[in-house]
Structure formats: structure tokens, C-alpha cells
Amino acid sequence: MQLIQDKALKRAVGRDYGKYLGTYFSERREARADLFDLGGRVTAYISYPTGLNPTNIEDPYYDELLDYAESQGFANRFRIVYADY
């Protein structure tokens, strides 16, 4: 899994959510996760830029995020927050 740097997001939120780590997109970009580290706790903020929602998305992303957290050593300090609908 690879994170990209969204410079516009980084400027827009500053440090409101903690240190911006990067953004992950699922294979067909159905899901987006913006990752932030706030005081050692890493949060992935999930949104669905294509207008889908968790009930009809087909791209796998949840396990990829968990595997990434484990590979980076913060699995026990990782949480996922979903966008409001």
C-alpha cells in the first residue's frame, strides 16, 4: 500500500488532526483514507469521493489499511473514522 501526499489537504487542515502522514486510495478510487498521527494515535479518515458508501463499495480497503498499520508498527494505536452521510 502506498500513501500519496495531498498538499492541498495538508495546507487546508494544518495540524488540526495531527501530523498528516498521507492519503491512500483504493484500487478504483472508490475509497479514500487520509491518515494523521495525533500524539502517537494514528487515525484514518475514510471518505468515498465517487459518491458510494460502505454498503455498495466494491474496492477492498479495510484490510489493506489494517495491514499497513501493522507493517508500520502502529496497529495497536490505529483507528478508522468514517465520513458522515
PDB file of N, CA and C in Angstrom:
ATOM      1  N   MET A   1       0.841  -1.172   0.000  1.00  0.00           N
ATOM      2  CA  MET A   1       0.000   0.000   0.000  1.00  0.00           C
ATOM      3  C   MET A   1       0.888   1.236   0.000  1.00  0.00           C
ATOM      4  N   GLN A   2       0.514   2.194  -0.813  1.00  0.00           N
ATOM      5  CA  GLN A   2       1.309   3.411  -0.928  1.00  0.00           C
ATOM      6  C   GLN A   2       0.460   4.625  -0.565  1.00  0.00           C
ATOM      7  N   LEU A   3       1.054   5.521   0.195  1.00  0.00           N
ATOM      8  CA  LEU A   3       0.401   6.780   0.530  1.00  0.00           C
ATOM      9  C   LEU A   3       0.931   7.866  -0.391  1.00  0.00           C
ATOM     10  N   ILE A   4       0.028   8.757  -0.824  1.00  0.00           N
ATOM     11  CA  ILE A   4       0.446   9.916  -1.592  1.00  0.00           C
ATOM     12  C   ILE A   4       0.328  11.147  -0.697  1.00  0.00           C
ATOM     13  N   GLN A   5       0.956  12.222  -1.087  1.00  0.00           N
ATOM     14  CA  GLN A   5       0.875  13.466  -0.329  1.00  0.00           C
ATOM     15  C   GLN A   5      -0.087  14.419  -1.038  1.00  0.00           C
ATOM     16  N   ASP A   6      -1.162  14.769  -0.372  1.00  0.00           N
ATOM     17  CA  ASP A   6      -2.135  15.726  -0.887  1.00  0.00           C
ATOM     18  C   ASP A   6      -1.788  17.081  -0.268  1.00  0.00           C
ATOM     19  N   LYS A   7      -1.046  17.877  -0.999  1.00  0.00           N
ATOM     20  CA  LYS A   7      -0.549  19.151  -0.465  1.00  0.00           C
ATOM     21  C   LYS A   7      -1.673  20.121  -0.140  1.00  0.00           C
ATOM     22  N   ALA A   8      -2.737  20.084  -0.940  1.00  0.00           N
ATOM     23  CA  ALA A   8      -3.877  20.974  -0.682  1.00  0.00           C
ATOM     24  C   ALA A   8      -4.552  20.600   0.638  1.00  0.00           C
ATOM     25  N   LEU A   9      -4.720  19.318   0.900  1.00  0.00           N
ATOM     26  CA  LEU A   9      -5.310  18.869   2.171  1.00  0.00           C
ATOM     27  C   LEU A   9      -4.405  19.255   3.329  1.00  0.00           C
ATOM     28  N   LYS A  10      -3.135  19.026   3.175  1.00  0.00           N
ATOM     29  CA  LYS A  10      -2.179  19.349   4.237  1.00  0.00           C
ATOM     30  C   LYS A  10      -2.241  20.836   4.595  1.00  0.00           C
ATOM     31  N   ARG A  11      -2.317  21.684   3.580  1.00  0.00           N
ATOM     32  CA  ARG A  11      -2.435  23.128   3.841  1.00  0.00           C
ATOM     33  C   ARG A  11      -3.779  23.460   4.485  1.00  0.00           C
ATOM     34  N   ALA A  12      -4.838  22.831   4.014  1.00  0.00           N
ATOM     35  CA  ALA A  12      -6.189  23.149   4.492  1.00  0.00           C
ATOM     36  C   ALA A  12      -6.395  22.798   5.960  1.00  0.00           C
ATOM     37  N   VAL A  13      -5.858  21.670   6.401  1.00  0.00           N
ATOM     38  CA  VAL A  13      -6.111  21.243   7.779  1.00  0.00           C
ATOM     39  C   VAL A  13      -4.982  21.579   8.734  1.00  0.00           C
ATOM     40  N   GLY A  14      -3.826  21.927   8.194  1.00  0.00           N
ATOM     41  CA  GLY A  14      -2.697  22.252   9.067  1.00  0.00           C
ATOM     42  C   GLY A  14      -2.407  21.102  10.000  1.00  0.00           C
ATOM     43  N   ARG A  15      -2.412  21.385  11.283  1.00  0.00           N
ATOM     44  CA  ARG A  15      -2.172  20.349  12.291  1.00  0.00           C
ATOM     45  C   ARG A  15      -3.423  20.073  13.124  1.00  0.00           C
ATOM     46  N   ASP A  16      -4.578  20.466  12.606  1.00  0.00           N
ATOM     47  CA  ASP A  16      -5.829  20.267  13.345  1.00  0.00           C
ATOM     48  C   ASP A  16      -6.073  18.802  13.681  1.00  0.00           C
ATOM     49  N   TYR A  17      -5.647  17.900  12.810  1.00  0.00           N
ATOM     50  CA  TYR A  17      -5.866  16.465  13.017  1.00  0.00           C
ATOM     51  C   TYR A  17      -4.598  15.747  13.439  1.00  0.00           C
ATOM     52  N   GLY A  18      -3.524  16.477  13.619  1.00  0.00           N
ATOM     53  CA  GLY A  18      -2.230  15.892  13.937  1.00  0.00           C
ATOM     54  C   GLY A  18      -1.313  15.992  12.732  1.00  0.00           C
ATOM     55  N   LYS A  19      -0.251  15.236  12.759  1.00  0.00           N
ATOM     56  CA  LYS A  19       0.707  15.232  11.650  1.00  0.00           C
ATOM     57  C   LYS A  19       0.108  14.423  10.500  1.00  0.00           C
ATOM     58  N   TYR A  20       0.014  15.053   9.334  1.00  0.00           N
ATOM     59  CA  TYR A  20      -0.513  14.392   8.142  1.00  0.00           C
ATOM     60  C   TYR A  20       0.511  13.382   7.638  1.00  0.00           C
ATOM     61  N   LEU A  21       0.115  12.115   7.546  1.00  0.00           N
ATOM     62  CA  LEU A  21       1.012  11.060   7.081  1.00  0.00           C
ATOM     63  C   LEU A  21       0.877  10.798   5.592  1.00  0.00           C
ATOM     64  N   GLY A  22      -0.317  10.983   5.058  1.00  0.00           N
ATOM     65  CA  GLY A  22      -0.531  10.747   3.638  1.00  0.00           C
ATOM     66  C   GLY A  22      -1.947  10.282   3.373  1.00  0.00           C
ATOM     67  N   THR A  23      -2.229  10.085   2.089  1.00  0.00           N
ATOM     68  CA  THR A  23      -3.551   9.682   1.650  1.00  0.00           C
ATOM     69  C   THR A  23      -3.459   8.383   0.858  1.00  0.00           C
ATOM     70  N   TYR A  24      -4.376   7.487   1.145  1.00  0.00           N
ATOM     71  CA  TYR A  24      -4.473   6.210   0.447  1.00  0.00           C
ATOM     72  C   TYR A  24      -5.748   6.200  -0.388  1.00  0.00           C
ATOM     73  N   PHE A  25      -5.663   5.687  -1.608  1.00  0.00           N
ATOM     74  CA  PHE A  25      -6.825   5.462  -2.446  1.00  0.00           C
ATOM     75  C   PHE A  25      -6.931   3.975  -2.745  1.00  0.00           C
ATOM     76  N   SER A  26      -8.161   3.456  -2.676  1.00  0.00           N
ATOM     77  CA  SER A  26      -8.374   2.066  -3.069  1.00  0.00           C
ATOM     78  C   SER A  26      -8.137   1.944  -4.575  1.00  0.00           C
ATOM     79  N   GLU A  27      -8.092   0.721  -5.060  1.00  0.00           N
ATOM     80  CA  GLU A  27      -7.698   0.451  -6.440  1.00  0.00           C
ATOM     81  C   GLU A  27      -8.455   1.280  -7.478  1.00  0.00           C
ATOM     82  N   ARG A  28      -9.770   1.336  -7.379  1.00  0.00           N
ATOM     83  CA  ARG A  28     -10.565   2.106  -8.344  1.00  0.00           C
ATOM     84  C   ARG A  28     -10.985   3.463  -7.781  1.00  0.00           C
ATOM     85  N   ARG A  29     -10.312   3.864  -6.702  1.00  0.00           N
ATOM     86  CA  ARG A  29     -10.549   5.164  -6.060  1.00  0.00           C
ATOM     87  C   ARG A  29     -11.966   5.306  -5.508  1.00  0.00           C
ATOM     88  N   GLU A  30     -12.565   4.190  -5.136  1.00  0.00           N
ATOM     89  CA  GLU A  30     -13.890   4.242  -4.512  1.00  0.00           C
ATOM     90  C   GLU A  30     -13.805   4.700  -3.062  1.00  0.00           C
ATOM     91  N   ALA A  31     -12.671   4.439  -2.434  1.00  0.00           N
ATOM     92  CA  ALA A  31     -12.468   4.835  -1.035  1.00  0.00           C
ATOM     93  C   ALA A  31     -11.174   5.631  -0.922  1.00  0.00           C
ATOM     94  N   ARG A  32     -11.212   6.605  -0.028  1.00  0.00           N
ATOM     95  CA  ARG A  32     -10.046   7.436   0.250  1.00  0.00           C
ATOM     96  C   ARG A  32      -9.840   7.437   1.757  1.00  0.00           C
ATOM     97  N   ALA A  33      -8.589   7.332   2.182  1.00  0.00           N
ATOM     98  CA  ALA A  33      -8.260   7.389   3.600  1.00  0.00           C
ATOM     99  C   ALA A  33      -7.146   8.409   3.803  1.00  0.00           C
ATOM    100  N   ASP A  34      -7.423   9.420   4.603  1.00  0.00           N
ATOM    101  CA  ASP A  34      -6.419  10.419   4.967  1.00  0.00           C
ATOM    102  C   ASP A  34      -5.915  10.052   6.354  1.00  0.00           C
ATOM    103  N   LEU A  35      -4.621   9.803   6.472  1.00  0.00           N
ATOM    104  CA  LEU A  35      -4.040   9.332   7.725  1.00  0.00           C
ATOM    105  C   LEU A  35      -3.313  10.458   8.455  1.00  0.00           C
ATOM    106  N   PHE A  36      -3.597  10.537   9.760  1.00  0.00           N
ATOM    107  CA  PHE A  36      -2.993  11.542  10.630  1.00  0.00           C
ATOM    108  C   PHE A  36      -2.514  10.886  11.910  1.00  0.00           C
ATOM    109  N   ASP A  37      -1.411  11.394  12.431  1.00  0.00           N
ATOM    110  CA  ASP A  37      -0.855  10.935  13.705  1.00  0.00           C
ATOM    111  C   ASP A  37      -1.000  12.069  14.714  1.00  0.00           C
ATOM    112  N   LEU A  38      -1.802  11.832  15.726  1.00  0.00           N
ATOM    113  CA  LEU A  38      -2.012  12.828  16.771  1.00  0.00           C
ATOM    114  C   LEU A  38      -1.591  12.219  18.105  1.00  0.00           C
ATOM    115  N   GLY A  39      -0.458  12.650  18.579  1.00  0.00           N
ATOM    116  CA  GLY A  39       0.031  12.166  19.862  1.00  0.00           C
ATOM    117  C   GLY A  39       0.290  10.675  19.898  1.00  0.00           C
ATOM    118  N   GLY A  40       0.736  10.101  18.783  1.00  0.00           N
ATOM    119  CA  GLY A  40       1.034   8.680  18.736  1.00  0.00           C
ATOM    120  C   GLY A  40      -0.142   7.805  18.343  1.00  0.00           C
ATOM    121  N   ARG A  41      -1.319   8.378  18.233  1.00  0.00           N
ATOM    122  CA  ARG A  41      -2.512   7.636  17.803  1.00  0.00           C
ATOM    123  C   ARG A  41      -2.773   7.989  16.344  1.00  0.00           C
ATOM    124  N   VAL A  42      -2.809   6.969  15.485  1.00  0.00           N
ATOM    125  CA  VAL A  42      -2.993   7.186  14.052  1.00  0.00           C
ATOM    126  C   VAL A  42      -4.452   6.940  13.682  1.00  0.00           C
ATOM    127  N   THR A  43      -5.021   7.904  12.966  1.00  0.00           N
ATOM    128  CA  THR A  43      -6.419   7.820  12.548  1.00  0.00           C
ATOM    129  C   THR A  43      -6.491   7.904  11.038  1.00  0.00           C
ATOM    130  N   ALA A  44      -7.295   7.007  10.449  1.00  0.00           N
ATOM    131  CA  ALA A  44      -7.587   7.040   9.016  1.00  0.00           C
ATOM    132  C   ALA A  44      -9.002   7.565   8.861  1.00  0.00           C
ATOM    133  N   TYR A  45      -9.141   8.697   8.219  1.00  0.00           N
ATOM    134  CA  TYR A  45     -10.453   9.297   7.964  1.00  0.00           C
ATOM    135  C   TYR A  45     -10.901   8.842   6.573  1.00  0.00           C
ATOM    136  N   ILE A  46     -11.943   8.017   6.537  1.00  0.00           N
ATOM    137  CA  ILE A  46     -12.407   7.402   5.297  1.00  0.00           C
ATOM    138  C   ILE A  46     -13.513   8.237   4.669  1.00  0.00           C
ATOM    139  N   SER A  47     -13.387   8.444   3.370  1.00  0.00           N
ATOM    140  CA  SER A  47     -14.455   9.088   2.600  1.00  0.00           C
ATOM    141  C   SER A  47     -14.590   8.342   1.279  1.00  0.00           C
ATOM    142  N   TYR A  48     -15.661   8.636   0.582  1.00  0.00           N
ATOM    143  CA  TYR A  48     -15.963   7.956  -0.672  1.00  0.00           C
ATOM    144  C   TYR A  48     -16.169   9.002  -1.759  1.00  0.00           C
ATOM    145  N   PRO A  49     -15.089   9.407  -2.433  1.00  0.00           N
ATOM    146  CA  PRO A  49     -15.160  10.505  -3.392  1.00  0.00           C
ATOM    147  C   PRO A  49     -16.056  10.234  -4.600  1.00  0.00           C
ATOM    148  N   THR A  50     -16.359   8.994  -4.879  1.00  0.00           N
ATOM    149  CA  THR A  50     -17.200   8.677  -6.040  1.00  0.00           C
ATOM    150  C   THR A  50     -18.676   8.686  -5.690  1.00  0.00           C
ATOM    151  N   GLY A  51     -19.017   9.028  -4.447  1.00  0.00           N
ATOM    152  CA  GLY A  51     -20.414   9.079  -4.039  1.00  0.00           C
ATOM    153  C   GLY A  51     -20.956   7.772  -3.515  1.00  0.00           C
ATOM    154  N   LEU A  52     -20.142   6.738  -3.482  1.00  0.00           N
ATOM    155  CA  LEU A  52     -20.579   5.461  -2.928  1.00  0.00           C
ATOM    156  C   LEU A  52     -20.571   5.542  -1.408  1.00  0.00           C
ATOM    157  N   ASN A  53     -20.963   4.469  -0.772  1.00  0.00           N
ATOM    158  CA  ASN A  53     -20.911   4.382   0.685  1.00  0.00           C
ATOM    159  C   ASN A  53     -20.535   2.954   1.068  1.00  0.00           C
ATOM    160  N   PRO A  54     -20.314   2.669   2.336  1.00  0.00           N
ATOM    161  CA  PRO A  54     -19.843   1.344   2.734  1.00  0.00           C
ATOM    162  C   PRO A  54     -20.760   0.187   2.317  1.00  0.00           C
ATOM    163  N   THR A  55     -22.010   0.458   2.038  1.00  0.00           N
ATOM    164  CA  THR A  55     -22.913  -0.640   1.660  1.00  0.00           C
ATOM    165  C   THR A  55     -22.801  -1.040   0.199  1.00  0.00           C
ATOM    166  N   ASN A  56     -22.241  -0.169  -0.663  1.00  0.00           N
ATOM    167  CA  ASN A  56     -22.173  -0.532  -2.074  1.00  0.00           C
ATOM    168  C   ASN A  56     -20.782  -0.391  -2.703  1.00  0.00           C
ATOM    169  N   ILE A  57     -19.783  -0.179  -1.898  1.00  0.00           N
ATOM    170  CA  ILE A  57     -18.418  -0.088  -2.407  1.00  0.00           C
ATOM    171  C   ILE A  57     -17.889  -1.494  -2.714  1.00  0.00           C
ATOM    172  N   GLU A  58     -17.140  -1.608  -3.786  1.00  0.00           N
ATOM    173  CA  GLU A  58     -16.601  -2.907  -4.177  1.00  0.00           C
ATOM    174  C   GLU A  58     -15.101  -3.028  -3.940  1.00  0.00           C
ATOM    175  N   ASP A  59     -14.400  -1.918  -3.906  1.00  0.00           N
ATOM    176  CA  ASP A  59     -12.951  -1.945  -3.678  1.00  0.00           C
ATOM    177  C   ASP A  59     -12.631  -2.404  -2.263  1.00  0.00           C
ATOM    178  N   PRO A  60     -11.701  -3.338  -2.125  1.00  0.00           N
ATOM    179  CA  PRO A  60     -11.231  -3.661  -0.775  1.00  0.00           C
ATOM    180  C   PRO A  60     -10.315  -2.546  -0.278  1.00  0.00           C
ATOM    181  N   TYR A  61     -10.466  -2.181   0.963  1.00  0.00           N
ATOM    182  CA  TYR A  61      -9.582  -1.152   1.527  1.00  0.00           C
ATOM    183  C   TYR A  61      -9.347  -1.367   3.015  1.00  0.00           C
ATOM    184  N   TYR A  62     -10.319  -1.901   3.717  1.00  0.00           N
ATOM    185  CA  TYR A  62     -10.247  -2.036   5.168  1.00  0.00           C
ATOM    186  C   TYR A  62      -9.036  -2.886   5.585  1.00  0.00           C
ATOM    187  N   ASP A  63      -8.928  -4.079   5.022  1.00  0.00           N
ATOM    188  CA  ASP A  63      -7.814  -4.960   5.384  1.00  0.00           C
ATOM    189  C   ASP A  63      -6.476  -4.371   4.965  1.00  0.00           C
ATOM    190  N   GLU A  64      -6.462  -3.660   3.837  1.00  0.00           N
ATOM    191  CA  GLU A  64      -5.217  -3.025   3.398  1.00  0.00           C
ATOM    192  C   GLU A  64      -4.756  -1.983   4.416  1.00  0.00           C
ATOM    193  N   LEU A  65      -5.689  -1.225   4.946  1.00  0.00           N
ATOM    194  CA  LEU A  65      -5.339  -0.232   5.960  1.00  0.00           C
ATOM    195  C   LEU A  65      -4.827  -0.899   7.237  1.00  0.00           C
ATOM    196  N   LEU A  66      -5.501  -1.965   7.658  1.00  0.00           N
ATOM    197  CA  LEU A  66      -5.055  -2.679   8.863  1.00  0.00           C
ATOM    198  C   LEU A  66      -3.676  -3.297   8.661  1.00  0.00           C
ATOM    199  N   ASP A  67      -3.443  -3.887   7.489  1.00  0.00           N
ATOM    200  CA  ASP A  67      -2.129  -4.461   7.195  1.00  0.00           C
ATOM    201  C   ASP A  67      -1.046  -3.383   7.181  1.00  0.00           C
ATOM    202  N   TYR A  68      -1.372  -2.221   6.630  1.00  0.00           N
ATOM    203  CA  TYR A  68      -0.414  -1.117   6.603  1.00  0.00           C
ATOM    204  C   TYR A  68      -0.079  -0.674   8.028  1.00  0.00           C
ATOM    205  N   ALA A  69      -1.096  -0.524   8.854  1.00  0.00           N
ATOM    206  CA  ALA A  69      -0.869  -0.127  10.248  1.00  0.00           C
ATOM    207  C   ALA A  69       0.037  -1.120  10.955  1.00  0.00           C
ATOM    208  N   GLU A  70      -0.195  -2.390  10.719  1.00  0.00           N
ATOM    209  CA  GLU A  70       0.641  -3.425  11.343  1.00  0.00           C
ATOM    210  C   GLU A  70       2.078  -3.347  10.822  1.00  0.00           C
ATOM    211  N   SER A  71       2.228  -3.190   9.514  1.00  0.00           N
ATOM    212  CA  SER A  71       3.575  -3.153   8.933  1.00  0.00           C
ATOM    213  C   SER A  71       4.373  -1.930   9.388  1.00  0.00           C
ATOM    214  N   GLN A  72       3.668  -0.848   9.757  1.00  0.00           N
ATOM    215  CA  GLN A  72       4.326   0.377  10.187  1.00  0.00           C
ATOM    216  C   GLN A  72       4.484   0.468  11.705  1.00  0.00           C
ATOM    217  N   GLY A  73       3.963  -0.530  12.417  1.00  0.00           N
ATOM    218  CA  GLY A  73       4.156  -0.587  13.863  1.00  0.00           C
ATOM    219  C   GLY A  73       3.168   0.202  14.696  1.00  0.00           C
ATOM    220  N   PHE A  74       2.025   0.572  14.131  1.00  0.00           N
ATOM    221  CA  PHE A  74       1.055   1.300  14.941  1.00  0.00           C
ATOM    222  C   PHE A  74      -0.331   0.635  14.965  1.00  0.00           C
ATOM    223  N   ALA A  75      -0.382  -0.648  14.721  1.00  0.00           N
ATOM    224  CA  ALA A  75      -1.667  -1.369  14.693  1.00  0.00           C
ATOM    225  C   ALA A  75      -2.426  -1.231  16.007  1.00  0.00           C
ATOM    226  N   ASN A  76      -1.738  -1.211  17.119  1.00  0.00           N
ATOM    227  CA  ASN A  76      -2.419  -1.103  18.417  1.00  0.00           C
ATOM    228  C   ASN A  76      -2.797   0.339  18.767  1.00  0.00           C
ATOM    229  N   ARG A  77      -2.430   1.277  17.902  1.00  0.00           N
ATOM    230  CA  ARG A  77      -2.763   2.694  18.098  1.00  0.00           C
ATOM    231  C   ARG A  77      -3.491   3.256  16.878  1.00  0.00           C
ATOM    232  N   PHE A  78      -4.213   2.394  16.167  1.00  0.00           N
ATOM    233  CA  PHE A  78      -4.824   2.764  14.894  1.00  0.00           C
ATOM    234  C   PHE A  78      -6.341   2.695  14.994  1.00  0.00           C
ATOM    235  N   ARG A  79      -7.001   3.695  14.405  1.00  0.00           N
ATOM    236  CA  ARG A  79      -8.454   3.658  14.347  1.00  0.00           C
ATOM    237  C   ARG A  79      -8.910   4.196  12.997  1.00  0.00           C
ATOM    238  N   ILE A  80     -10.123   3.803  12.629  1.00  0.00           N
ATOM    239  CA  ILE A  80     -10.708   4.228  11.372  1.00  0.00           C
ATOM    240  C   ILE A  80     -11.965   5.008  11.683  1.00  0.00           C
ATOM    241  N   VAL A  81     -12.093   6.167  11.070  1.00  0.00           N
ATOM    242  CA  VAL A  81     -13.265   7.035  11.255  1.00  0.00           C
ATOM    243  C   VAL A  81     -13.902   7.212   9.873  1.00  0.00           C
ATOM    244  N   TYR A  82     -15.202   6.973   9.797  1.00  0.00           N
ATOM    245  CA  TYR A  82     -15.912   7.091   8.534  1.00  0.00           C
ATOM    246  C   TYR A  82     -16.580   8.446   8.382  1.00  0.00           C
ATOM    247  N   ALA A  83     -16.657   8.905   7.135  1.00  0.00           N
ATOM    248  CA  ALA A  83     -17.308  10.176   6.829  1.00  0.00           C
ATOM    249  C   ALA A  83     -18.796  10.088   7.170  1.00  0.00           C
ATOM    250  N   ASP A  84     -19.379  11.206   7.520  1.00  0.00           N
ATOM    251  CA  ASP A  84     -20.819  11.263   7.791  1.00  0.00           C
ATOM    252  C   ASP A  84     -21.584  11.241   6.485  1.00  0.00           C
ATOM    253  N   TYR A  85     -22.806  10.735   6.552  1.00  0.00           N
ATOM    254  CA  TYR A  85     -23.660  10.682   5.352  1.00  0.00           C
ATOM    255  C   TYR A  85     -24.909  11.474   5.570  1.00  0.00           C
TER     256      TYR A  85
END
